[in-house]
Amino acid sequence: MSKVGIVGVGMVGRAAASAMVERGSCRELVLVDVRQEVADAVALDLRYGISTGPALTIRSGTTADLKDAALVAITAGANEKSGGATDKSDPQGRLRLLDVNAGIFKSIVPGVVAVAPEAVLLVVADPPDPLADLTRTLAKHDRVVSTGTFLDSLRFATHLAEVLQINPASVSAQVLGEHGMSEVLVWSAVTIAGVPLADVLQQRGLNAAAFREQVEGAVRSANINIIAGIGASQYGIGAVTARLTEAILRDERILAPLGSFHAKDGVTYSLPSVIGAGGVCSVLSPRLDQAESAALQRSIATLQKANERLPKG
């Protein structure tokens, strides 16, 4: 079964749909939006390019057309710009969008579950971790994941590689915890083709403190810098959504930081995860240094506090 739905055809939903079409992430793709004319137009536009790539069908529809979908990506909701979450110094960051987007999710999720009860629900809209917790409650099942810090980790690897002038595919770097201001960059575990970062910096004659400040600044400001230029971060998360769709549909068992529910903490956050059929199949516990471990606990506490704002019942 390789039918996929995208609910919310704004900038992120369009980027995700485009990436799925280009990559051939599924066999059938259904676009759903409260603005039917938008879903119709995007599906039509993308359909013209299908013959240049992998075979699939794409169409617009309503929630009813998600019947028997294997995965539904929910991208609907206010983004940082429209929701007033573009202040780099604001400790709330994306969490400022929670109240409005929780209301939107309450109107979407029950209908999706009614027609696609076996689907994995991939939460993409911000803030994805608390919204995944809300989705899990509304769906009454555990096949719910958030895109979490997968994109943040790709940004981390990209900026490390940029400064070192190497291919980011050779960089192993992870961001854990919240997809937001409290995210934790795991510097202690960064390797370059298996070589610890500290050794690479020493061999290159680079100052570790200055290097870290440069890279971390680029990672943490990436989202806001993109929004300042084009209004929304969309292409990176679109590619991530497509890649996760493939891993889940094909039961690929790839490893990446992904948001899933952790019962001992009562919230969704990102740890290194095995991603396959059903979403997150298992989670690995990383070895963190003392500062990173403390930072992860603070990130979890931030999400626990945010979840107090989720609608009850």
Protein backbone atom coordinates (compact mmCIF):
# COMPACT_ATOMS: atom_id res chain seq x y z
CA MET A 1 0.00 0.00 0.00
CA SER A 2 1.65 3.22 -1.12
CA LYS A 3 -1.10 5.81 -1.04
CA VAL A 4 -0.05 9.01 0.70
CA GLY A 5 -1.96 12.12 1.64
CA ILE A 6 -0.79 15.64 2.38
CA VAL A 7 -3.21 17.76 4.41
CA GLY A 8 -2.39 21.43 4.04
CA VAL A 9 -1.16 22.69 0.67
CA GLY A 10 0.56 25.86 1.76
CA MET A 11 4.24 26.47 1.13
CA VAL A 12 5.46 23.47 3.10
CA GLY A 13 2.78 21.16 1.72
CA ARG A 14 3.61 22.20 -1.84
CA ALA A 15 7.33 21.66 -1.29
CA ALA A 16 6.66 18.23 0.19
CA ALA A 17 4.40 17.28 -2.70
CA SER A 18 6.97 18.46 -5.24
CA ALA A 19 9.74 16.48 -3.54
CA MET A 20 7.59 13.35 -3.45
CA VAL A 21 6.77 13.68 -7.14
CA GLU A 22 10.39 14.23 -8.12
CA ARG A 23 11.66 11.35 -5.96
CA GLY A 24 8.79 8.96 -6.65
CA SER A 25 8.22 8.60 -2.91
CA CYS A 26 4.85 6.88 -3.30
CA ARG A 27 2.56 5.45 -5.94
CA GLU A 28 -0.47 7.66 -5.28
CA LEU A 29 -0.51 11.14 -3.75
CA VAL A 30 -3.64 12.98 -2.63
CA LEU A 31 -3.56 16.69 -1.75
CA VAL A 32 -6.16 18.06 0.66
CA ASP A 33 -6.64 21.68 1.67
CA VAL A 34 -9.43 23.77 3.11
CA ARG A 35 -9.01 25.88 -0.03
CA GLN A 36 -10.07 23.33 -2.63
CA GLU A 37 -8.99 25.54 -5.52
CA VAL A 38 -5.43 25.60 -4.17
CA ALA A 39 -5.23 21.82 -3.90
CA ASP A 40 -6.69 21.51 -7.40
CA ALA A 41 -4.15 23.93 -8.88
CA VAL A 42 -1.11 22.40 -7.18
CA ALA A 43 -2.08 18.88 -8.18
CA LEU A 44 -2.65 19.99 -11.76
CA ASP A 45 0.64 21.86 -11.94
CA LEU A 46 2.64 18.93 -10.55
CA ARG A 47 0.84 16.45 -12.81
CA TYR A 48 2.39 18.08 -15.88
CA GLY A 49 5.88 17.08 -14.73
CA ILE A 50 5.16 13.49 -13.76
CA SER A 51 6.22 12.02 -17.10
CA THR A 52 9.76 13.29 -16.53
CA GLY A 53 10.29 11.12 -13.44
CA PRO A 54 9.08 8.03 -11.58
CA ALA A 55 5.53 6.92 -12.28
CA LEU A 56 2.85 8.01 -9.81
CA THR A 57 -0.57 9.57 -9.75
CA ILE A 58 -1.39 12.84 -8.03
CA ARG A 59 -4.79 14.38 -7.45
CA SER A 60 -6.59 16.77 -5.18
CA GLY A 61 -9.45 15.70 -2.98
CA THR A 62 -11.20 15.93 0.35
CA THR A 63 -10.54 14.09 3.59
CA ALA A 64 -12.72 11.23 2.29
CA ASP A 65 -10.22 10.69 -0.52
CA LEU A 66 -7.56 9.72 2.04
CA LYS A 67 -9.36 6.40 2.52
CA ASP A 68 -6.86 3.55 2.95
CA ALA A 69 -3.81 5.86 2.87
CA ALA A 70 -0.68 4.30 4.34
CA LEU A 71 0.67 7.65 5.49
CA VAL A 72 -0.77 11.13 5.92
CA ALA A 73 1.54 14.11 6.35
CA ILE A 74 -0.12 17.01 8.15
CA THR A 75 1.41 20.31 7.10
CA ALA A 76 -1.63 22.52 7.76
CA GLY A 77 -1.34 25.44 10.13
CA ALA A 78 0.08 28.90 10.67
CA ASN A 79 3.80 29.25 9.97
CA GLU A 80 6.35 31.33 11.85
CA LYS A 81 5.79 34.47 9.79
CA SER A 82 2.00 34.45 9.91
CA GLY A 83 2.06 33.33 13.54
CA GLY A 84 4.49 35.97 14.78
CA ALA A 85 7.33 33.58 15.66
CA THR A 86 10.25 35.24 13.89
CA ASP A 87 12.18 36.80 16.79
CA LYS A 88 15.55 35.05 17.13
CA SER A 89 15.76 36.07 20.79
CA ASP A 90 12.31 34.74 21.72
CA PRO A 91 12.75 31.60 23.86
CA GLN A 92 9.30 30.40 22.79
CA GLY A 93 10.19 30.26 19.10
CA ARG A 94 7.84 27.91 17.22
CA LEU A 95 5.93 27.18 20.42
CA ARG A 96 4.14 30.49 19.88
CA LEU A 97 2.21 28.72 17.11
CA LEU A 98 0.92 25.95 19.36
CA ASP A 99 -2.43 27.40 20.39
CA VAL A 100 -3.64 28.30 16.91
CA ASN A 101 -2.29 25.15 15.27
CA ALA A 102 -3.67 22.88 17.99
CA GLY A 103 -7.13 24.17 17.08
CA ILE A 104 -6.49 23.39 13.42
CA PHE A 105 -5.29 19.87 14.25
CA LYS A 106 -8.39 19.22 16.36
CA SER A 107 -10.46 19.92 13.25
CA ILE A 108 -8.32 17.72 10.97
CA VAL A 109 -7.11 14.61 12.78
CA PRO A 110 -10.40 12.89 13.70
CA GLY A 111 -11.58 13.02 10.09
CA VAL A 112 -8.29 11.62 8.80
CA VAL A 113 -8.35 8.76 11.30
CA ALA A 114 -11.95 7.94 10.44
CA VAL A 115 -11.11 7.25 6.79
CA ALA A 116 -7.50 6.06 7.16
CA PRO A 117 -7.38 4.25 10.52
CA GLU A 118 -4.20 2.33 9.68
CA ALA A 119 -2.20 5.31 8.39
CA VAL A 120 0.98 6.58 9.95
CA LEU A 121 0.42 10.24 10.83
CA LEU A 122 3.49 12.37 10.12
CA VAL A 123 3.27 15.74 11.86
CA VAL A 124 5.14 18.43 9.93
CA ALA A 125 3.43 21.66 11.00
CA ASP A 126 5.06 23.72 13.77
CA PRO A 127 5.58 23.08 16.59
CA PRO A 128 5.66 19.43 15.50
CA ASP A 129 6.46 17.77 18.82
CA PRO A 130 3.51 19.05 20.92
CA LEU A 131 1.25 18.72 17.89
CA ALA A 132 2.32 15.08 17.60
CA ASP A 133 1.27 14.56 21.21
CA LEU A 134 -2.10 16.12 20.46
CA THR A 135 -2.42 14.01 17.31
CA ARG A 136 -1.63 10.84 19.25
CA THR A 137 -4.40 11.66 21.73
CA LEU A 138 -6.91 12.46 19.00
CA ALA A 139 -5.97 9.44 16.88
CA LYS A 140 -6.00 7.03 19.83
CA HIS A 141 -3.03 5.11 18.43
CA ASP A 142 0.76 5.29 18.51
CA ARG A 143 1.52 5.46 14.78
CA VAL A 144 2.29 9.16 15.12
CA VAL A 145 5.68 10.77 14.57
CA SER A 146 6.90 14.33 14.16
CA THR A 147 9.57 15.37 11.69
CA GLY A 148 11.42 16.37 14.84
CA THR A 149 15.05 17.38 14.52
CA PHE A 150 15.79 15.53 11.29
CA LEU A 151 15.99 18.82 9.38
CA ASP A 152 18.00 20.47 12.18
CA SER A 153 20.50 17.61 11.99
CA LEU A 154 20.84 18.05 8.24
CA ARG A 155 21.45 21.75 8.77
CA PHE A 156 24.08 20.92 11.40
CA ALA A 157 25.90 18.56 9.03
CA THR A 158 25.61 21.03 6.15
CA HIS A 159 27.17 23.94 8.04
CA LEU A 160 29.91 21.74 9.50
CA ALA A 161 30.75 20.58 5.99
CA GLU A 162 30.61 24.11 4.61
CA VAL A 163 33.27 25.39 7.01
CA LEU A 164 35.42 22.29 6.55
CA GLN A 165 34.91 22.40 2.76
CA ILE A 166 33.84 18.79 2.48
CA ASN A 167 30.75 16.89 1.34
CA PRO A 168 28.06 16.85 4.07
CA ALA A 169 27.36 13.20 3.28
CA SER A 170 30.61 12.42 5.09
CA VAL A 171 29.49 14.21 8.26
CA SER A 172 27.65 12.51 11.11
CA ALA A 173 25.98 15.14 13.29
CA GLN A 174 22.77 15.08 15.28
CA VAL A 175 20.43 17.53 16.93
CA LEU A 176 18.17 16.11 19.64
CA GLY A 177 15.25 17.18 21.82
CA GLU A 178 12.76 19.81 20.67
CA HIS A 179 12.52 21.03 17.10
CA GLY A 180 12.81 24.56 18.40
CA MET A 181 14.79 26.95 20.54
CA SER A 182 15.79 24.35 23.15
CA GLU A 183 17.20 21.88 20.62
CA VAL A 184 20.51 20.25 21.55
CA LEU A 185 23.42 20.12 19.10
CA VAL A 186 25.41 17.02 20.07
CA TRP A 187 28.93 18.28 19.48
CA SER A 188 30.54 15.46 21.44
CA ALA A 189 29.42 12.86 18.90
CA VAL A 190 30.24 14.65 15.63
CA THR A 191 32.46 12.63 13.31
CA ILE A 192 33.86 13.27 9.85
CA ALA A 193 34.07 9.98 7.95
CA GLY A 194 34.34 8.31 11.35
CA VAL A 195 37.06 10.67 12.63
CA PRO A 196 36.10 12.63 15.78
CA LEU A 197 35.59 16.32 15.07
CA ALA A 198 38.18 17.34 17.69
CA ASP A 199 40.84 15.40 15.78
CA VAL A 200 39.80 16.94 12.47
CA LEU A 201 39.97 20.47 13.88
CA GLN A 202 43.39 19.79 15.35
CA GLN A 203 44.67 18.40 12.05
CA ARG A 204 43.27 21.42 10.20
CA GLY A 205 44.70 23.87 12.73
CA LEU A 206 41.27 25.34 13.45
CA ASN A 207 40.21 26.98 16.70
CA ALA A 208 37.53 24.76 18.22
CA ALA A 209 35.67 27.54 20.07
CA ALA A 210 35.51 29.85 17.05
CA PHE A 211 34.51 26.95 14.80
CA ARG A 212 31.71 25.93 17.14
CA GLU A 213 30.40 29.49 17.45
CA GLN A 214 30.32 29.91 13.68
CA VAL A 215 28.53 26.64 12.96
CA GLU A 216 26.08 26.76 15.84
CA GLY A 217 25.12 30.32 14.99
CA ALA A 218 24.38 29.31 11.40
CA VAL A 219 22.27 26.31 12.49
CA ARG A 220 20.23 28.17 15.08
CA SER A 221 19.50 31.14 12.83
CA ALA A 222 18.84 29.14 9.66
CA ASN A 223 15.07 29.08 9.94
CA ILE A 224 14.63 32.78 10.62
CA ASN A 225 17.13 33.71 7.89
CA ILE A 226 15.15 31.67 5.37
CA ILE A 227 11.87 33.23 6.47
CA ALA A 228 13.38 36.71 6.08
CA GLY A 229 14.16 35.94 2.45
CA ILE A 230 11.23 33.87 1.18
CA GLY A 231 8.56 33.95 3.87
CA ALA A 232 8.79 30.32 5.04
CA SER A 233 11.25 27.51 5.45
CA GLN A 234 9.88 24.97 2.98
CA TYR A 235 12.27 23.15 0.64
CA GLY A 236 14.41 21.46 3.28
CA ILE A 237 11.42 20.25 5.27
CA GLY A 238 9.73 19.23 2.03
CA ALA A 239 12.67 16.96 1.20
CA VAL A 240 12.68 15.56 4.74
CA THR A 241 8.96 14.79 4.52
CA ALA A 242 9.50 12.94 1.25
CA ARG A 243 12.46 10.98 2.63
CA LEU A 244 10.57 9.95 5.76
CA THR A 245 7.61 8.89 3.63
CA GLU A 246 9.89 6.57 1.67
CA ALA A 247 11.51 5.10 4.78
CA ILE A 248 8.14 4.35 6.35
CA LEU A 249 6.40 2.97 3.26
CA ARG A 250 9.38 0.79 2.32
CA ASP A 251 10.25 -0.27 5.88
CA GLU A 252 13.81 0.88 5.23
CA ARG A 253 14.96 0.95 8.89
CA ILE A 254 17.11 4.03 8.36
CA LEU A 255 18.39 5.90 11.41
CA ALA A 256 17.79 9.59 12.01
CA PRO A 257 16.68 11.89 14.84
CA LEU A 258 12.89 11.81 14.71
CA GLY A 259 10.18 12.89 17.13
CA SER A 260 8.33 10.08 18.89
CA PHE A 261 6.49 9.74 22.19
CA HIS A 262 8.63 8.84 25.21
CA ALA A 263 6.41 7.45 27.94
CA LYS A 264 8.86 8.07 30.78
CA ASP A 265 8.83 11.80 30.02
CA GLY A 266 5.26 12.02 28.76
CA VAL A 267 6.14 14.00 25.63
CA THR A 268 7.36 13.66 22.06
CA TYR A 269 10.94 14.67 21.29
CA SER A 270 13.78 13.52 19.04
CA LEU A 271 16.38 10.86 19.71
CA PRO A 272 18.22 8.67 17.17
CA SER A 273 15.46 6.45 15.81
CA VAL A 274 15.01 3.43 13.56
CA ILE A 275 12.42 4.48 10.98
CA GLY A 276 10.37 1.89 9.14
CA ALA A 277 6.86 0.48 8.81
CA GLY A 278 4.63 2.05 11.43
CA GLY A 279 6.94 5.03 11.97
CA VAL A 280 9.55 4.80 14.72
CA CYS A 281 10.41 1.14 15.28
CA SER A 282 12.94 1.65 18.08
CA VAL A 283 15.02 4.37 19.69
CA LEU A 284 18.71 4.50 20.60
CA SER A 285 20.00 6.22 23.74
CA PRO A 286 22.98 8.38 22.76
CA ARG A 287 26.04 8.93 24.93
CA LEU A 288 26.02 12.62 25.83
CA ASP A 289 28.46 14.70 27.79
CA GLN A 290 27.31 16.35 31.01
CA ALA A 291 26.36 19.67 29.42
CA GLU A 292 24.46 17.98 26.57
CA SER A 293 22.60 15.71 28.97
CA ALA A 294 21.52 18.71 31.06
CA ALA A 295 20.49 20.58 27.92
CA LEU A 296 18.37 17.63 26.75
CA GLN A 297 16.58 17.55 30.11
CA ARG A 298 15.85 21.27 29.77
CA SER A 299 14.51 20.68 26.26
CA ILE A 300 12.22 17.93 27.54
CA ALA A 301 11.02 20.22 30.35
CA THR A 302 10.26 22.93 27.77
CA LEU A 303 8.04 20.50 25.87
CA GLN A 304 6.36 19.27 29.04
CA LYS A 305 5.50 22.86 29.89
CA ALA A 306 4.20 23.48 26.36
CA ASN A 307 1.96 20.42 26.54
CA GLU A 308 0.09 21.96 29.46
CA ARG A 309 -1.43 24.28 26.84
CA LEU A 310 -2.85 21.47 24.69
CA PRO A 311 -6.65 21.28 24.57
CA LYS A 312 -8.16 18.68 26.85
CA GLY A 313 -10.71 16.19 25.64
